[in-house]
Amino acid sequence: NTNTNTNTNTNTAMTAALNLKQKLTRCATQEESLSILQNLRRKDLLFLYRVCAAPSSIDFYAGKVWDGLLLDNNSLIMTQITAFITNQLFGKGSKWKGKSFDVATGDCIGTGKNQFIQPTTGCVEAMHAFEYDSKGVSAIDGKQSMKLQYSSFHPFVSPWHTMVDELRVLREPDEDGEGAIMLCLGYMAWSGGCLNSSPFCLATSSRGLTTTK
């Protein structure tokens, strides 16, 4: 009975996630979709991630800069801790702005960097490079996912050596190539791995994100 109830609850949550994805896709603007994402709890974001798919084309992400937004991480305290780690530790006091992806060197593999806003000058600085594989295997559900890994650019003793980001497409771009959104999960081995992943999203926009968590 316990297993049956668990499966029923999971199926119900997955159905709700599919319906939510359709709602987010039908939103008139990217801003509407982002507003809904900011008000979702972590458990709903995790199910939503599971019903999304990896990018199907290199053109979707390569050679582009994506603005980032941290999402709920299970509670106000945990969300604030995530923001502190992201901005004060990972960003060395600079606010995380998003990620840039270089043109792929293979059919699905390439490199990129994180983007940060310097507090004194307001200038954007690129730090913390990563390797990406758009046909990686998710540690969350075993399905295809775009994976960013930092181990090649950080020594073994670095807290960022085991960092992994998983990315999936939530919203496709419009006819002008704008408005796309990727739903993402980030995790590190020392903080619990994929079982303790932190949700965030990336959005392409010529205007940039104006909302913050």
N, C-alpha and C. Protein backbone atom coordinates (compact mmCIF):
# COMPACT_ATOMS: atom_id res chain seq x y z
N ASN A 1 0.82 -1.20 0.00
CA ASN A 1 0.00 0.00 0.00
C ASN A 1 0.86 1.26 0.00
N THR A 2 1.95 1.21 0.76
CA THR A 2 2.83 2.37 0.82
C THR A 2 3.43 2.68 -0.55
N ASN A 3 3.90 1.61 -1.24
CA ASN A 3 4.47 1.80 -2.58
C ASN A 3 3.42 2.30 -3.56
N THR A 4 2.20 1.79 -3.43
CA THR A 4 1.12 2.22 -4.31
C THR A 4 0.81 3.69 -4.11
N ASN A 5 0.76 4.10 -2.83
CA ASN A 5 0.48 5.51 -2.53
C ASN A 5 1.59 6.41 -3.03
N THR A 6 2.84 5.95 -2.89
CA THR A 6 3.98 6.74 -3.36
C THR A 6 3.93 6.92 -4.87
N ASN A 7 3.66 5.82 -5.59
CA ASN A 7 3.57 5.89 -7.05
C ASN A 7 2.42 6.79 -7.50
N THR A 8 1.31 6.71 -6.78
CA THR A 8 0.17 7.55 -7.12
C THR A 8 0.49 9.02 -6.92
N ASN A 9 1.16 9.33 -5.80
CA ASN A 9 1.54 10.72 -5.52
C ASN A 9 2.52 11.24 -6.56
N THR A 10 3.48 10.38 -6.95
CA THR A 10 4.46 10.78 -7.96
C THR A 10 3.79 11.03 -9.30
N ASN A 11 2.88 10.13 -9.69
CA ASN A 11 2.17 10.30 -10.96
C ASN A 11 1.33 11.57 -10.97
N THR A 12 0.71 11.85 -9.83
CA THR A 12 -0.10 13.06 -9.70
C THR A 12 0.77 14.31 -9.84
N ALA A 13 1.94 14.28 -9.19
CA ALA A 13 2.87 15.41 -9.26
C ALA A 13 3.41 15.60 -10.67
N MET A 14 3.70 14.51 -11.37
CA MET A 14 4.20 14.60 -12.73
C MET A 14 3.14 15.16 -13.68
N THR A 15 1.90 14.75 -13.48
CA THR A 15 0.80 15.28 -14.29
C THR A 15 0.64 16.77 -14.05
N ALA A 16 0.73 17.18 -12.79
CA ALA A 16 0.64 18.60 -12.46
C ALA A 16 1.79 19.38 -13.09
N ALA A 17 2.98 18.77 -13.12
CA ALA A 17 4.15 19.42 -13.72
C ALA A 17 3.97 19.60 -15.22
N LEU A 18 3.41 18.59 -15.88
CA LEU A 18 3.15 18.69 -17.32
C LEU A 18 2.16 19.81 -17.62
N ASN A 19 1.13 19.90 -16.80
CA ASN A 19 0.14 20.96 -16.97
C ASN A 19 0.77 22.34 -16.74
N LEU A 20 1.65 22.41 -15.74
CA LEU A 20 2.33 23.67 -15.44
C LEU A 20 3.25 24.07 -16.59
N LYS A 21 3.96 23.09 -17.15
CA LYS A 21 4.84 23.38 -18.29
C LYS A 21 4.05 23.94 -19.46
N GLN A 22 2.90 23.36 -19.74
CA GLN A 22 2.04 23.86 -20.82
C GLN A 22 1.59 25.29 -20.53
N LYS A 23 1.28 25.55 -19.28
CA LYS A 23 0.87 26.91 -18.89
C LYS A 23 2.00 27.90 -19.10
N LEU A 24 3.19 27.53 -18.69
CA LEU A 24 4.35 28.41 -18.85
C LEU A 24 4.69 28.63 -20.32
N THR A 25 4.50 27.61 -21.13
CA THR A 25 4.77 27.73 -22.56
C THR A 25 3.76 28.65 -23.24
N ARG A 26 2.53 28.62 -22.74
CA ARG A 26 1.47 29.44 -23.35
C ARG A 26 1.49 30.89 -22.89
N CYS A 27 2.30 31.20 -21.87
CA CYS A 27 2.35 32.58 -21.39
C CYS A 27 2.70 33.52 -22.55
N ALA A 28 2.06 34.68 -22.56
CA ALA A 28 2.27 35.63 -23.66
C ALA A 28 3.70 36.14 -23.71
N THR A 29 4.33 36.29 -22.55
CA THR A 29 5.68 36.84 -22.51
C THR A 29 6.59 36.00 -21.62
N GLN A 30 7.88 36.16 -21.85
CA GLN A 30 8.89 35.52 -21.01
C GLN A 30 8.75 36.00 -19.56
N GLU A 31 8.45 37.28 -19.39
CA GLU A 31 8.33 37.85 -18.05
C GLU A 31 7.23 37.17 -17.24
N GLU A 32 6.13 36.83 -17.90
CA GLU A 32 5.05 36.12 -17.21
C GLU A 32 5.53 34.76 -16.71
N SER A 33 6.23 34.05 -17.57
CA SER A 33 6.75 32.73 -17.19
C SER A 33 7.72 32.84 -16.02
N LEU A 34 8.61 33.83 -16.06
CA LEU A 34 9.57 34.01 -14.98
C LEU A 34 8.90 34.36 -13.67
N SER A 35 7.85 35.15 -13.74
CA SER A 35 7.11 35.52 -12.54
C SER A 35 6.49 34.29 -11.87
N ILE A 36 5.96 33.38 -12.69
CA ILE A 36 5.38 32.15 -12.15
C ILE A 36 6.48 31.28 -11.53
N LEU A 37 7.62 31.16 -12.21
CA LEU A 37 8.74 30.36 -11.70
C LEU A 37 9.21 30.86 -10.34
N GLN A 38 9.25 32.16 -10.17
CA GLN A 38 9.73 32.74 -8.91
C GLN A 38 8.82 32.43 -7.74
N ASN A 39 7.60 32.07 -8.02
CA ASN A 39 6.65 31.79 -6.95
C ASN A 39 6.42 30.30 -6.72
N LEU A 40 7.19 29.47 -7.40
CA LEU A 40 7.07 28.03 -7.21
C LEU A 40 7.99 27.54 -6.10
N ARG A 41 7.55 26.51 -5.38
CA ARG A 41 8.39 25.89 -4.37
C ARG A 41 9.37 24.91 -5.02
N ARG A 42 10.43 24.60 -4.32
CA ARG A 42 11.49 23.74 -4.85
C ARG A 42 10.93 22.41 -5.33
N LYS A 43 10.05 21.78 -4.56
CA LYS A 43 9.54 20.45 -4.95
C LYS A 43 8.80 20.52 -6.29
N ASP A 44 8.08 21.61 -6.52
CA ASP A 44 7.38 21.77 -7.80
C ASP A 44 8.36 22.02 -8.93
N LEU A 45 9.43 22.75 -8.65
CA LEU A 45 10.47 23.01 -9.66
C LEU A 45 11.18 21.72 -10.05
N LEU A 46 11.40 20.83 -9.08
CA LEU A 46 12.07 19.56 -9.37
C LEU A 46 11.22 18.69 -10.29
N PHE A 47 9.91 18.63 -10.04
CA PHE A 47 9.03 17.86 -10.92
C PHE A 47 8.93 18.53 -12.29
N LEU A 48 8.91 19.85 -12.30
CA LEU A 48 8.85 20.57 -13.57
C LEU A 48 10.10 20.28 -14.40
N TYR A 49 11.25 20.23 -13.75
CA TYR A 49 12.50 19.91 -14.44
C TYR A 49 12.41 18.55 -15.10
N ARG A 50 11.80 17.59 -14.43
CA ARG A 50 11.74 16.22 -14.94
C ARG A 50 10.88 16.08 -16.19
N VAL A 51 9.98 17.02 -16.43
CA VAL A 51 9.14 16.92 -17.63
C VAL A 51 9.67 17.80 -18.76
N CYS A 52 10.82 18.44 -18.53
CA CYS A 52 11.46 19.23 -19.58
C CYS A 52 12.50 18.36 -20.30
N ALA A 53 12.98 18.83 -21.44
CA ALA A 53 13.93 18.07 -22.24
C ALA A 53 15.20 18.86 -22.49
N ALA A 54 16.28 18.16 -22.79
CA ALA A 54 17.56 18.80 -23.12
C ALA A 54 17.43 19.57 -24.44
N PRO A 55 18.27 20.59 -24.65
CA PRO A 55 18.23 21.32 -25.93
C PRO A 55 18.43 20.37 -27.10
N SER A 56 17.64 20.55 -28.14
CA SER A 56 17.72 19.66 -29.29
C SER A 56 18.68 20.17 -30.36
N SER A 57 19.11 21.43 -30.23
CA SER A 57 19.98 22.02 -31.24
C SER A 57 21.06 22.88 -30.59
N ILE A 58 22.26 22.84 -31.15
CA ILE A 58 23.36 23.69 -30.67
C ILE A 58 22.99 25.16 -30.80
N ASP A 59 22.24 25.49 -31.83
CA ASP A 59 21.87 26.88 -32.07
C ASP A 59 21.04 27.47 -30.93
N PHE A 60 20.43 26.59 -30.13
CA PHE A 60 19.60 27.06 -29.03
C PHE A 60 20.41 27.82 -27.98
N TYR A 61 21.65 27.40 -27.75
CA TYR A 61 22.42 27.97 -26.65
C TYR A 61 23.81 28.50 -27.04
N ALA A 62 24.46 27.87 -28.02
CA ALA A 62 25.86 28.20 -28.33
C ALA A 62 26.02 29.61 -28.87
N GLY A 63 27.07 30.28 -28.37
CA GLY A 63 27.36 31.63 -28.82
C GLY A 63 26.45 32.68 -28.21
N LYS A 64 25.73 32.31 -27.16
CA LYS A 64 24.76 33.24 -26.55
C LYS A 64 25.07 33.49 -25.08
N VAL A 65 24.58 34.62 -24.58
CA VAL A 65 24.67 34.95 -23.16
C VAL A 65 23.27 34.82 -22.58
N TRP A 66 23.17 34.11 -21.46
CA TRP A 66 21.88 33.87 -20.81
C TRP A 66 21.88 34.55 -19.44
N ASP A 67 20.84 35.29 -19.14
CA ASP A 67 20.68 35.89 -17.82
C ASP A 67 20.16 34.85 -16.83
N GLY A 68 20.64 34.93 -15.59
CA GLY A 68 20.29 33.94 -14.59
C GLY A 68 19.41 34.47 -13.47
N LEU A 69 18.68 33.55 -12.87
CA LEU A 69 17.79 33.89 -11.76
C LEU A 69 17.74 32.72 -10.79
N LEU A 70 18.10 32.95 -9.53
CA LEU A 70 18.02 31.91 -8.52
C LEU A 70 16.56 31.72 -8.11
N LEU A 71 16.17 30.46 -7.90
CA LEU A 71 14.78 30.16 -7.53
C LEU A 71 14.72 29.57 -6.12
N ASP A 72 13.52 29.26 -5.68
CA ASP A 72 13.32 28.76 -4.31
C ASP A 72 14.13 27.48 -4.06
N ASN A 73 14.76 27.44 -2.88
CA ASN A 73 15.55 26.26 -2.52
C ASN A 73 15.05 25.65 -1.22
N ASN A 74 13.74 25.49 -1.13
CA ASN A 74 13.07 24.75 -0.06
C ASN A 74 12.63 25.59 1.13
N SER A 75 13.25 26.73 1.35
CA SER A 75 12.84 27.62 2.43
C SER A 75 13.53 28.96 2.24
N LEU A 76 13.05 29.99 2.94
CA LEU A 76 13.67 31.30 2.83
C LEU A 76 15.12 31.26 3.26
N ILE A 77 15.40 30.53 4.35
CA ILE A 77 16.76 30.45 4.86
C ILE A 77 17.68 29.76 3.86
N MET A 78 17.25 28.61 3.31
CA MET A 78 18.07 27.88 2.35
C MET A 78 18.27 28.68 1.07
N THR A 79 17.24 29.41 0.65
CA THR A 79 17.35 30.24 -0.54
C THR A 79 18.37 31.36 -0.33
N GLN A 80 18.37 31.94 0.88
CA GLN A 80 19.34 32.99 1.19
C GLN A 80 20.75 32.43 1.29
N ILE A 81 20.88 31.21 1.83
CA ILE A 81 22.20 30.57 1.89
C ILE A 81 22.73 30.32 0.49
N THR A 82 21.86 29.85 -0.40
CA THR A 82 22.24 29.61 -1.80
C THR A 82 22.71 30.90 -2.46
N ALA A 83 21.99 31.99 -2.20
CA ALA A 83 22.36 33.29 -2.77
C ALA A 83 23.71 33.75 -2.23
N PHE A 84 23.96 33.50 -0.94
CA PHE A 84 25.24 33.88 -0.33
C PHE A 84 26.38 33.10 -0.97
N ILE A 85 26.20 31.78 -1.10
CA ILE A 85 27.25 30.95 -1.71
C ILE A 85 27.51 31.39 -3.15
N THR A 86 26.42 31.66 -3.89
CA THR A 86 26.53 32.03 -5.30
C THR A 86 27.21 33.38 -5.49
N ASN A 87 26.80 34.38 -4.73
CA ASN A 87 27.29 35.74 -4.93
C ASN A 87 28.55 36.06 -4.14
N GLN A 88 28.58 35.69 -2.87
CA GLN A 88 29.70 36.08 -2.02
C GLN A 88 30.90 35.14 -2.12
N LEU A 89 30.63 33.84 -2.26
CA LEU A 89 31.73 32.87 -2.33
C LEU A 89 32.11 32.56 -3.78
N PHE A 90 31.17 32.03 -4.52
CA PHE A 90 31.42 31.70 -5.93
C PHE A 90 31.75 32.95 -6.73
N GLY A 91 31.03 34.04 -6.47
CA GLY A 91 31.25 35.29 -7.20
C GLY A 91 32.26 36.22 -6.57
N LYS A 92 32.82 35.84 -5.43
CA LYS A 92 33.82 36.65 -4.73
C LYS A 92 33.30 38.07 -4.46
N GLY A 93 32.03 38.15 -4.07
CA GLY A 93 31.43 39.44 -3.75
C GLY A 93 30.72 40.10 -4.90
N SER A 94 30.80 39.52 -6.09
CA SER A 94 30.10 40.05 -7.26
C SER A 94 28.82 39.25 -7.48
N LYS A 95 27.75 39.92 -7.85
CA LYS A 95 26.46 39.26 -8.03
C LYS A 95 26.44 38.44 -9.31
N TRP A 96 25.99 37.19 -9.19
CA TRP A 96 25.89 36.32 -10.35
C TRP A 96 24.85 36.86 -11.32
N LYS A 97 25.20 36.93 -12.59
CA LYS A 97 24.32 37.47 -13.62
C LYS A 97 23.79 36.41 -14.57
N GLY A 98 24.56 35.35 -14.79
CA GLY A 98 24.12 34.33 -15.72
C GLY A 98 25.29 33.56 -16.30
N LYS A 99 25.14 33.06 -17.52
CA LYS A 99 26.17 32.24 -18.14
C LYS A 99 26.28 32.57 -19.62
N SER A 100 27.48 32.38 -20.15
CA SER A 100 27.70 32.51 -21.59
C SER A 100 28.22 31.19 -22.12
N PHE A 101 27.81 30.85 -23.33
CA PHE A 101 28.21 29.59 -23.95
C PHE A 101 28.96 29.87 -25.24
N ASP A 102 30.20 29.38 -25.31
CA ASP A 102 30.97 29.52 -26.54
C ASP A 102 30.40 28.61 -27.62
N VAL A 103 30.75 28.87 -28.84
CA VAL A 103 30.34 28.00 -29.94
C VAL A 103 30.93 26.62 -29.70
N ALA A 104 30.14 25.59 -29.88
CA ALA A 104 30.56 24.23 -29.59
C ALA A 104 31.76 23.81 -30.43
N THR A 105 32.67 23.07 -29.81
CA THR A 105 33.84 22.57 -30.51
C THR A 105 33.55 21.23 -31.18
N GLY A 106 32.49 20.57 -30.75
CA GLY A 106 32.05 19.31 -31.36
C GLY A 106 30.57 19.41 -31.65
N ASP A 107 29.92 18.28 -31.86
CA ASP A 107 28.50 18.34 -32.18
C ASP A 107 27.64 18.63 -30.95
N CYS A 108 28.21 18.49 -29.77
CA CYS A 108 27.42 18.77 -28.57
C CYS A 108 28.27 19.23 -27.39
N ILE A 109 29.57 19.43 -27.59
CA ILE A 109 30.49 19.73 -26.49
C ILE A 109 31.16 21.08 -26.71
N GLY A 110 31.33 21.84 -25.62
CA GLY A 110 31.99 23.13 -25.72
C GLY A 110 32.31 23.67 -24.33
N THR A 111 32.63 24.95 -24.25
CA THR A 111 32.95 25.58 -22.97
C THR A 111 32.14 26.86 -22.81
N GLY A 112 32.16 27.38 -21.61
CA GLY A 112 31.47 28.63 -21.32
C GLY A 112 31.96 29.20 -20.01
N LYS A 113 31.38 30.32 -19.61
CA LYS A 113 31.76 30.95 -18.35
C LYS A 113 30.54 31.54 -17.66
N ASN A 114 30.67 31.72 -16.35
CA ASN A 114 29.64 32.41 -15.58
C ASN A 114 29.87 33.92 -15.67
N GLN A 115 28.81 34.67 -15.60
CA GLN A 115 28.86 36.12 -15.69
C GLN A 115 28.50 36.73 -14.33
N PHE A 116 29.27 37.73 -13.91
CA PHE A 116 29.04 38.40 -12.62
C PHE A 116 29.07 39.91 -12.80
N ILE A 117 28.34 40.62 -11.95
CA ILE A 117 28.33 42.08 -11.98
C ILE A 117 29.18 42.60 -10.83
N GLN A 118 30.24 43.32 -11.15
CA GLN A 118 31.11 43.87 -10.13
C GLN A 118 30.36 44.95 -9.34
N PRO A 119 30.41 44.90 -8.00
CA PRO A 119 29.63 45.83 -7.18
C PRO A 119 30.09 47.29 -7.27
N THR A 120 31.36 47.52 -7.54
CA THR A 120 31.87 48.90 -7.55
C THR A 120 31.70 49.59 -8.90
N THR A 121 31.92 48.83 -9.97
CA THR A 121 31.87 49.44 -11.31
C THR A 121 30.59 49.13 -12.08
N GLY A 122 29.92 48.05 -11.69
CA GLY A 122 28.73 47.64 -12.42
C GLY A 122 29.05 46.92 -13.71
N CYS A 123 30.33 46.69 -13.96
CA CYS A 123 30.76 46.00 -15.18
C CYS A 123 30.55 44.49 -15.04
N VAL A 124 30.35 43.84 -16.17
CA VAL A 124 30.17 42.39 -16.18
C VAL A 124 31.52 41.71 -16.32
N GLU A 125 31.78 40.76 -15.46
CA GLU A 125 33.04 40.02 -15.46
C GLU A 125 32.75 38.54 -15.64
N ALA A 126 33.53 37.87 -16.50
CA ALA A 126 33.38 36.44 -16.74
C ALA A 126 34.35 35.67 -15.85
N MET A 127 33.82 34.70 -15.10
CA MET A 127 34.64 33.88 -14.21
C MET A 127 34.11 32.45 -14.23
N HIS A 128 34.90 31.55 -13.66
CA HIS A 128 34.49 30.17 -13.45
C HIS A 128 34.02 29.50 -14.74
N ALA A 129 34.98 29.13 -15.54
CA ALA A 129 34.69 28.43 -16.79
C ALA A 129 34.17 27.02 -16.52
N PHE A 130 33.47 26.49 -17.50
CA PHE A 130 32.93 25.13 -17.41
C PHE A 130 32.97 24.47 -18.79
N GLU A 131 32.89 23.16 -18.79
CA GLU A 131 32.70 22.39 -20.01
C GLU A 131 31.24 21.98 -20.08
N TYR A 132 30.66 22.04 -21.27
CA TYR A 132 29.27 21.60 -21.37
C TYR A 132 29.13 20.46 -22.37
N ASP A 133 28.14 19.62 -22.09
CA ASP A 133 27.79 18.50 -22.96
C ASP A 133 26.27 18.48 -23.04
N SER A 134 25.74 18.82 -24.20
CA SER A 134 24.28 18.92 -24.33
C SER A 134 23.60 17.56 -24.41
N LYS A 135 24.41 16.50 -24.45
CA LYS A 135 23.84 15.15 -24.49
C LYS A 135 24.28 14.34 -23.28
N GLY A 136 24.44 15.03 -22.16
CA GLY A 136 24.84 14.37 -20.93
C GLY A 136 23.69 13.58 -20.33
N VAL A 137 24.00 12.78 -19.33
CA VAL A 137 22.99 11.97 -18.63
C VAL A 137 22.75 12.58 -17.26
N SER A 138 21.51 12.88 -16.96
CA SER A 138 21.15 13.52 -15.70
C SER A 138 21.34 12.59 -14.51
N ALA A 139 21.90 13.14 -13.43
CA ALA A 139 21.99 12.40 -12.17
C ALA A 139 20.67 12.46 -11.42
N ILE A 140 19.76 13.30 -11.89
CA ILE A 140 18.46 13.46 -11.24
C ILE A 140 17.51 12.33 -11.62
N ASP A 141 17.39 12.07 -12.93
CA ASP A 141 16.44 11.06 -13.38
C ASP A 141 16.98 10.12 -14.45
N GLY A 142 18.28 10.24 -14.79
CA GLY A 142 18.88 9.34 -15.75
C GLY A 142 18.56 9.64 -17.21
N LYS A 143 17.84 10.72 -17.48
CA LYS A 143 17.49 11.09 -18.84
C LYS A 143 18.49 12.10 -19.40
N GLN A 144 18.38 12.36 -20.69
CA GLN A 144 19.32 13.29 -21.32
C GLN A 144 19.15 14.70 -20.78
N SER A 145 20.27 15.34 -20.52
CA SER A 145 20.27 16.69 -19.98
C SER A 145 21.54 17.39 -20.42
N MET A 146 21.48 18.69 -20.60
CA MET A 146 22.69 19.45 -20.85
C MET A 146 23.42 19.58 -19.51
N LYS A 147 24.69 19.17 -19.47
CA LYS A 147 25.44 19.18 -18.21
C LYS A 147 26.66 20.08 -18.31
N LEU A 148 26.83 20.91 -17.30
CA LEU A 148 28.01 21.77 -17.18
C LEU A 148 28.85 21.24 -16.04
N GLN A 149 30.15 21.03 -16.30
CA GLN A 149 31.05 20.51 -15.28
C GLN A 149 32.27 21.41 -15.15
N TYR A 150 32.72 21.61 -13.92
CA TYR A 150 33.76 22.59 -13.61
C TYR A 150 35.09 21.97 -13.23
N SER A 151 35.17 20.65 -13.16
CA SER A 151 36.36 19.98 -12.63
C SER A 151 37.63 20.26 -13.42
N SER A 152 37.51 20.49 -14.72
CA SER A 152 38.71 20.73 -15.53
C SER A 152 39.34 22.09 -15.27
N PHE A 153 38.58 22.99 -14.64
CA PHE A 153 39.06 24.35 -14.43
C PHE A 153 39.31 24.68 -12.96
N HIS A 154 39.10 23.69 -12.08
CA HIS A 154 39.32 23.91 -10.65
C HIS A 154 40.09 22.72 -10.07
N PRO A 155 41.10 22.98 -9.24
CA PRO A 155 41.86 21.88 -8.64
C PRO A 155 40.99 21.04 -7.71
N PHE A 156 41.49 19.87 -7.39
CA PHE A 156 40.73 18.92 -6.59
C PHE A 156 40.31 19.50 -5.24
N VAL A 157 41.13 20.38 -4.67
CA VAL A 157 40.84 20.94 -3.34
C VAL A 157 39.84 22.10 -3.41
N SER A 158 39.51 22.56 -4.60
CA SER A 158 38.57 23.67 -4.74
C SER A 158 37.14 23.23 -4.41
N PRO A 159 36.38 24.07 -3.71
CA PRO A 159 34.98 23.71 -3.43
C PRO A 159 34.13 23.62 -4.69
N TRP A 160 34.65 24.16 -5.81
CA TRP A 160 33.89 24.16 -7.07
C TRP A 160 34.29 23.01 -7.99
N HIS A 161 35.24 22.19 -7.56
CA HIS A 161 35.73 21.09 -8.40
C HIS A 161 34.60 20.13 -8.78
N THR A 162 33.71 19.84 -7.83
CA THR A 162 32.65 18.86 -8.09
C THR A 162 31.33 19.50 -8.52
N MET A 163 31.36 20.79 -8.80
CA MET A 163 30.14 21.48 -9.18
C MET A 163 29.63 20.98 -10.53
N VAL A 164 28.31 20.76 -10.59
CA VAL A 164 27.64 20.35 -11.82
C VAL A 164 26.34 21.13 -11.94
N ASP A 165 26.06 21.61 -13.14
CA ASP A 165 24.77 22.22 -13.44
C ASP A 165 24.09 21.38 -14.52
N GLU A 166 22.81 21.13 -14.33
CA GLU A 166 22.02 20.44 -15.35
C GLU A 166 20.99 21.41 -15.90
N LEU A 167 20.84 21.44 -17.23
CA LEU A 167 19.96 22.40 -17.89
C LEU A 167 18.98 21.69 -18.82
N ARG A 168 17.73 22.13 -18.79
CA ARG A 168 16.72 21.63 -19.73
C ARG A 168 15.86 22.79 -20.22
N VAL A 169 15.28 22.61 -21.39
CA VAL A 169 14.49 23.67 -22.01
C VAL A 169 13.08 23.71 -21.43
N LEU A 170 12.70 24.87 -20.94
CA LEU A 170 11.34 25.07 -20.44
C LEU A 170 10.49 25.82 -21.46
N ARG A 171 11.09 26.81 -22.08
CA ARG A 171 10.36 27.64 -23.04
C ARG A 171 11.23 27.88 -24.27
N GLU A 172 10.70 27.59 -25.44
CA GLU A 172 11.41 27.79 -26.69
C GLU A 172 11.45 29.28 -27.04
N PRO A 173 12.43 29.72 -27.85
CA PRO A 173 12.49 31.13 -28.23
C PRO A 173 11.37 31.49 -29.20
N ASP A 174 11.05 32.79 -29.27
CA ASP A 174 10.04 33.26 -30.19
C ASP A 174 10.65 33.40 -31.59
N GLU A 175 9.89 33.96 -32.52
CA GLU A 175 10.35 34.06 -33.91
C GLU A 175 11.56 34.98 -34.07
N ASP A 176 11.79 35.85 -33.07
CA ASP A 176 12.95 36.75 -33.10
C ASP A 176 14.15 36.15 -32.38
N GLY A 177 14.00 34.92 -31.89
CA GLY A 177 15.10 34.27 -31.18
C GLY A 177 15.21 34.67 -29.73
N GLU A 178 14.20 35.36 -29.21
CA GLU A 178 14.22 35.82 -27.81
C GLU A 178 13.16 35.05 -26.99
N GLY A 179 13.23 35.24 -25.68
CA GLY A 179 12.19 34.71 -24.80
C GLY A 179 12.36 33.29 -24.32
N ALA A 180 13.48 32.63 -24.68
CA ALA A 180 13.70 31.25 -24.26
C ALA A 180 14.04 31.19 -22.77
N ILE A 181 13.70 30.07 -22.14
CA ILE A 181 14.01 29.85 -20.72
C ILE A 181 14.50 28.42 -20.55
N MET A 182 15.59 28.25 -19.80
CA MET A 182 16.04 26.92 -19.40
C MET A 182 15.89 26.79 -17.88
N LEU A 183 15.31 25.68 -17.45
CA LEU A 183 15.20 25.37 -16.02
C LEU A 183 16.41 24.52 -15.64
N CYS A 184 17.05 24.88 -14.54
CA CYS A 184 18.36 24.28 -14.22
C CYS A 184 18.43 23.84 -12.76
N LEU A 185 19.30 22.88 -12.51
CA LEU A 185 19.59 22.41 -11.16
C LEU A 185 21.09 22.35 -10.98
N GLY A 186 21.60 22.94 -9.90
CA GLY A 186 23.03 22.94 -9.62
C GLY A 186 23.33 22.19 -8.33
N TYR A 187 24.45 21.47 -8.31
CA TYR A 187 24.80 20.72 -7.10
C TYR A 187 26.30 20.47 -7.03
N MET A 188 26.77 20.16 -5.83
CA MET A 188 28.17 19.83 -5.57
C MET A 188 28.22 18.62 -4.67
N ALA A 189 29.23 17.79 -4.82
CA ALA A 189 29.33 16.54 -4.06
C ALA A 189 29.35 16.79 -2.56
N TRP A 190 30.11 17.82 -2.13
CA TRP A 190 30.28 18.06 -0.69
C TRP A 190 29.03 18.60 -0.01
N SER A 191 28.06 19.07 -0.80
CA SER A 191 26.84 19.62 -0.18
C SER A 191 25.62 18.72 -0.39
N GLY A 192 25.88 17.46 -0.74
CA GLY A 192 24.77 16.53 -0.88
C GLY A 192 24.51 16.05 -2.29
N GLY A 193 25.27 16.55 -3.23
CA GLY A 193 25.11 16.10 -4.61
C GLY A 193 23.74 16.42 -5.19
N CYS A 194 23.29 15.61 -6.13
CA CYS A 194 22.03 15.89 -6.82
C CYS A 194 20.82 15.82 -5.91
N LEU A 195 20.95 15.13 -4.78
CA LEU A 195 19.82 15.05 -3.84
C LEU A 195 19.56 16.39 -3.16
N ASN A 196 20.55 17.27 -3.21
CA ASN A 196 20.40 18.59 -2.59
C ASN A 196 20.62 19.69 -3.64
N SER A 197 20.11 19.46 -4.84
CA SER A 197 20.31 20.40 -5.94
C SER A 197 19.53 21.70 -5.72
N SER A 198 20.09 22.79 -6.23
CA SER A 198 19.49 24.12 -6.10
C SER A 198 18.92 24.57 -7.45
N PRO A 199 17.64 24.91 -7.50
CA PRO A 199 17.02 25.31 -8.77
C PRO A 199 17.38 26.76 -9.15
N PHE A 200 17.57 26.97 -10.44
CA PHE A 200 17.71 28.31 -11.00
C PHE A 200 17.25 28.26 -12.45
N CYS A 201 17.16 29.40 -13.08
CA CYS A 201 16.78 29.40 -14.48
C CYS A 201 17.67 30.35 -15.27
N LEU A 202 17.75 30.12 -16.56
CA LEU A 202 18.48 30.97 -17.48
C LEU A 202 17.53 31.44 -18.56
N ALA A 203 17.64 32.71 -18.93
CA ALA A 203 16.71 33.28 -19.91
C ALA A 203 17.46 34.15 -20.92
N THR A 204 17.14 33.98 -22.18
CA THR A 204 17.69 34.86 -23.22
C THR A 204 16.76 36.05 -23.38
N SER A 205 17.34 37.23 -23.40
CA SER A 205 16.53 38.42 -23.58
C SER A 205 17.44 39.59 -23.91
N SER A 206 17.07 40.35 -24.91
CA SER A 206 17.84 41.54 -25.26
C SER A 206 17.71 42.61 -24.18
N ARG A 207 16.67 42.48 -23.36
CA ARG A 207 16.44 43.46 -22.29
C ARG A 207 17.14 43.05 -21.00
N GLY A 208 17.37 41.75 -20.83
CA GLY A 208 17.97 41.27 -19.59
C GLY A 208 16.92 41.12 -18.51
N LEU A 209 17.24 40.33 -17.50
CA LEU A 209 16.31 40.12 -16.40
C LEU A 209 16.31 41.30 -15.46
N THR A 210 15.16 41.72 -15.04
CA THR A 210 15.05 42.82 -14.09
C THR A 210 14.53 42.35 -12.75
N THR A 211 14.06 41.10 -12.68
CA THR A 211 13.54 40.56 -11.44
C THR A 211 14.62 39.78 -10.73
N THR A 212 14.63 39.86 -9.40
CA THR A 212 15.63 39.14 -8.60
C THR A 212 14.94 38.43 -7.47
N LYS A 213 15.58 37.39 -6.97
CA LYS A 213 15.02 36.61 -5.88
C LYS A 213 15.52 37.18 -4.55
